[in-house]
C-alpha atoms as a PDB file:
ATOM      1  CA  MET A   1     -29.406  55.746  -1.910  1.00  0.00           C
ATOM      2  CA  PRO A   2     -32.207  55.421  -4.511  1.00  0.00           C
ATOM      3  CA  GLU A   3     -32.118  58.246  -7.039  1.00  0.00           C
ATOM      4  CA  HIS A   4     -34.832  60.380  -5.458  1.00  0.00           C
ATOM      5  CA  ASP A   5     -35.984  59.112  -2.195  1.00  0.00           C
ATOM      6  CA  TRP A   6     -36.839  61.530   0.699  1.00  0.00           C
ATOM      7  CA  ARG A   7     -33.171  62.070   1.555  1.00  0.00           C
ATOM      8  CA  ALA A   8     -32.372  63.311  -2.004  1.00  0.00           C
ATOM      9  CA  ASN A   9     -35.435  65.473  -1.835  1.00  0.00           C
ATOM     10  CA  VAL A  10     -34.148  67.054   1.453  1.00  0.00           C
ATOM     11  CA  ILE A  11     -30.721  67.701  -0.086  1.00  0.00           C
ATOM     12  CA  ASP A  12     -32.395  69.255  -3.203  1.00  0.00           C
ATOM     13  CA  HIS A  13     -34.473  71.527  -0.982  1.00  0.00           C
ATOM     14  CA  VAL A  14     -31.501  72.584   1.151  1.00  0.00           C
ATOM     15  CA  ARG A  15     -29.518  73.194  -2.002  1.00  0.00           C
ATOM     16  CA  GLY A  16     -32.216  75.634  -3.174  1.00  0.00           C
ATOM     17  CA  LEU A  17     -32.343  77.439   0.169  1.00  0.00           C
ATOM     18  CA  ILE A  18     -28.552  77.806   0.250  1.00  0.00           C
ATOM     19  CA  GLU A  19     -28.597  79.211  -3.286  1.00  0.00           C
ATOM     20  CA  GLU A  20     -31.312  81.662  -2.331  1.00  0.00           C
ATOM     21  CA  ALA A  21     -29.291  82.828   0.712  1.00  0.00           C
ATOM     22  CA  VAL A  22     -25.984  82.997  -1.084  1.00  0.00           C
ATOM     23  CA  PRO A  23     -26.427  83.275  -4.843  1.00  0.00           C
ATOM     24  CA  ASP A  24     -22.713  82.938  -5.610  1.00  0.00           C
ATOM     25  CA  VAL A  25     -22.190  79.803  -3.350  1.00  0.00           C
ATOM     26  CA  VAL A  26     -19.882  77.085  -4.645  1.00  0.00           C
ATOM     27  CA  GLU A  27     -21.057  73.462  -4.409  1.00  0.00           C
ATOM     28  CA  GLU A  28     -18.656  70.548  -4.756  1.00  0.00           C
ATOM     29  CA  ASN A  29     -19.081  66.805  -4.171  1.00  0.00           C
ATOM     30  CA  LYS A  30     -16.217  65.493  -1.949  1.00  0.00           C
ATOM     31  CA  TRP A  31     -15.291  62.327  -0.113  1.00  0.00           C
ATOM     32  CA  LYS A  32     -16.774  59.687  -2.525  1.00  0.00           C
ATOM     33  CA  LYS A  33     -16.934  56.268  -0.965  1.00  0.00           C
ATOM     34  CA  ALA A  34     -19.042  53.095  -1.197  1.00  0.00           C
ATOM     35  CA  SER A  35     -21.822  54.464   1.096  1.00  0.00           C
ATOM     36  CA  GLN A  36     -21.686  57.870  -0.823  1.00  0.00           C
ATOM     37  CA  PRO A  37     -20.794  56.981  -4.381  1.00  0.00           C
ATOM     38  CA  ASP A  38     -21.704  60.502  -5.592  1.00  0.00           C
ATOM     39  CA  GLY A  39     -19.790  62.082  -2.727  1.00  0.00           C
ATOM     40  CA  VAL A  40     -20.973  64.497  -0.107  1.00  0.00           C
ATOM     41  CA  PRO A  41     -22.233  68.018  -1.194  1.00  0.00           C
ATOM     42  CA  VAL A  42     -20.120  70.741   0.360  1.00  0.00           C
ATOM     43  CA  TRP A  43     -21.177  74.331   0.072  1.00  0.00           C
ATOM     44  CA  SER A  44     -18.579  77.161   0.377  1.00  0.00           C
ATOM     45  CA  LYS A  45     -18.063  80.803   0.052  1.00  0.00           C
ATOM     46  CA  ASP A  46     -14.846  82.278   1.596  1.00  0.00           C
ATOM     47  CA  GLY A  47     -14.532  78.813   3.234  1.00  0.00           C
ATOM     48  CA  MET A  48     -16.753  75.923   3.967  1.00  0.00           C
ATOM     49  CA  ILE A  49     -20.361  76.768   4.961  1.00  0.00           C
ATOM     50  CA  CYS A  50     -21.776  73.272   5.460  1.00  0.00           C
ATOM     51  CA  THR A  51     -21.997  69.733   4.183  1.00  0.00           C
ATOM     52  CA  GLY A  52     -25.044  67.594   3.507  1.00  0.00           C
ATOM     53  CA  GLU A  53     -24.595  64.007   4.395  1.00  0.00           C
ATOM     54  CA  THR A  54     -27.251  61.315   3.919  1.00  0.00           C
ATOM     55  CA  TYR A  55     -27.728  58.306   6.257  1.00  0.00           C
ATOM     56  CA  LYS A  56     -30.300  55.558   6.377  1.00  0.00           C
ATOM     57  CA  GLU A  57     -32.492  57.485   8.879  1.00  0.00           C
ATOM     58  CA  LYS A  58     -31.498  61.129   8.510  1.00  0.00           C
ATOM     59  CA  VAL A  59     -29.862  63.863   6.588  1.00  0.00           C
ATOM     60  CA  THR A  60     -27.126  65.771   8.497  1.00  0.00           C
ATOM     61  CA  LEU A  61     -26.199  69.342   7.543  1.00  0.00           C
ATOM     62  CA  THR A  62     -22.940  70.053   9.348  1.00  0.00           C
ATOM     63  CA  PHE A  63     -21.710  73.593   9.617  1.00  0.00           C
ATOM     64  CA  ALA A  64     -17.914  73.829   9.790  1.00  0.00           C
ATOM     65  CA  LYS A  65     -17.880  76.795  12.197  1.00  0.00           C
ATOM     66  CA  GLY A  66     -21.371  76.176  13.680  1.00  0.00           C
ATOM     67  CA  ALA A  67     -20.204  76.660  17.296  1.00  0.00           C
ATOM     68  CA  ALA A  68     -19.384  80.311  16.453  1.00  0.00           C
ATOM     69  CA  LEU A  69     -22.783  81.020  14.974  1.00  0.00           C
ATOM     70  CA  ASP A  70     -25.869  82.424  16.789  1.00  0.00           C
ATOM     71  CA  ASP A  71     -28.756  80.003  16.392  1.00  0.00           C
ATOM     72  CA  PRO A  72     -31.809  81.879  17.826  1.00  0.00           C
ATOM     73  CA  ALA A  73     -34.216  79.448  16.210  1.00  0.00           C
ATOM     74  CA  GLY A  74     -32.507  76.411  17.788  1.00  0.00           C
ATOM     75  CA  LEU A  75     -31.898  74.619  14.468  1.00  0.00           C
ATOM     76  CA  PHE A  76     -28.718  72.906  15.661  1.00  0.00           C
ATOM     77  CA  ASN A  77     -29.657  69.613  17.265  1.00  0.00           C
ATOM     78  CA  ALA A  78     -26.416  67.610  16.906  1.00  0.00           C
ATOM     79  CA  GLY A  79     -22.692  67.944  16.914  1.00  0.00           C
ATOM     80  CA  PHE A  80     -22.382  69.566  20.285  1.00  0.00           C
ATOM     81  CA  GLY A  81     -19.466  67.268  21.382  1.00  0.00           C
ATOM     82  CA  GLY A  82     -16.812  69.261  19.587  1.00  0.00           C
ATOM     83  CA  ASN A  83     -15.859  72.841  19.940  1.00  0.00           C
ATOM     84  CA  THR A  84     -16.176  73.900  16.299  1.00  0.00           C
ATOM     85  CA  ARG A  85     -18.840  72.045  14.265  1.00  0.00           C
ATOM     86  CA  ARG A  86     -22.605  71.973  14.851  1.00  0.00           C
ATOM     87  CA  ALA A  87     -25.179  70.097  12.824  1.00  0.00           C
ATOM     88  CA  ILE A  88     -28.855  70.032  11.931  1.00  0.00           C
ATOM     89  CA  GLU A  89     -30.296  66.499  11.613  1.00  0.00           C
ATOM     90  CA  ILE A  90     -33.481  66.040   9.547  1.00  0.00           C
ATOM     91  CA  ARG A  91     -35.465  62.896   9.643  1.00  0.00           C
ATOM     92  CA  GLU A  92     -38.087  61.797   7.210  1.00  0.00           C
ATOM     93  CA  GLY A  93     -41.141  64.050   7.445  1.00  0.00           C
ATOM     94  CA  GLU A  94     -39.537  66.787   9.425  1.00  0.00           C
ATOM     95  CA  GLN A  95     -39.674  70.297   8.202  1.00  0.00           C
ATOM     96  CA  LEU A  96     -36.777  72.892   8.237  1.00  0.00           C
ATOM     97  CA  ASP A  97     -37.509  76.455   9.166  1.00  0.00           C
ATOM     98  CA  GLU A  98     -36.488  77.891   5.859  1.00  0.00           C
ATOM     99  CA  GLN A  99     -35.952  81.540   6.879  1.00  0.00           C
ATOM    100  CA  ALA A 100     -33.996  80.546   9.988  1.00  0.00           C
ATOM    101  CA  PHE A 101     -31.864  78.167   7.956  1.00  0.00           C
ATOM    102  CA  LYS A 102     -31.117  80.869   5.348  1.00  0.00           C
ATOM    103  CA  ASP A 103     -30.188  83.256   8.158  1.00  0.00           C
ATOM    104  CA  LEU A 104     -27.820  80.615   9.546  1.00  0.00           C
ATOM    105  CA  VAL A 105     -26.231  80.075   6.069  1.00  0.00           C
ATOM    106  CA  ARG A 106     -25.659  83.869   5.741  1.00  0.00           C
ATOM    107  CA  ALA A 107     -24.103  84.010   9.213  1.00  0.00           C
ATOM    108  CA  ALA A 108     -21.727  81.241   8.289  1.00  0.00           C
ATOM    109  CA  VAL A 109     -20.659  83.164   5.254  1.00  0.00           C
ATOM    110  CA  GLU A 110     -20.108  86.289   7.324  1.00  0.00           C
ATOM    111  CA  GLN A 111     -18.093  84.174   9.864  1.00  0.00           C
ATOM    112  CA  ASN A 112     -15.955  82.836   6.927  1.00  0.00           C
ATOM    113  CA  ALA A 113     -15.321  86.410   5.714  1.00  0.00           C
ATOM    114  CA  ALA A 114     -14.326  87.680   9.162  1.00  0.00           C
END
């Protein structure tokens, strides 16, 4: 992925929203491989909140316990095949509902702490 294409901008934006929602969040880069030489950002507090994976046509934000979270704004649009994870896929030019996303991040932290 080029240094700062649209996908990197989405990850940077999401990072800021997560930090606003959970100021003491921990971010690590995991699972380095040829297609993700810098690894995948993983945000955690009392357990994994979500990951931010970049693909050619989308950025996927996968919530580790997404199936257990209320999503009144309908942000989850992928990952419905399993019984645990849910994901938000963002394509170039799409906007994320910032407040609803921060609410979802806070709910994930609450779920981890429960």
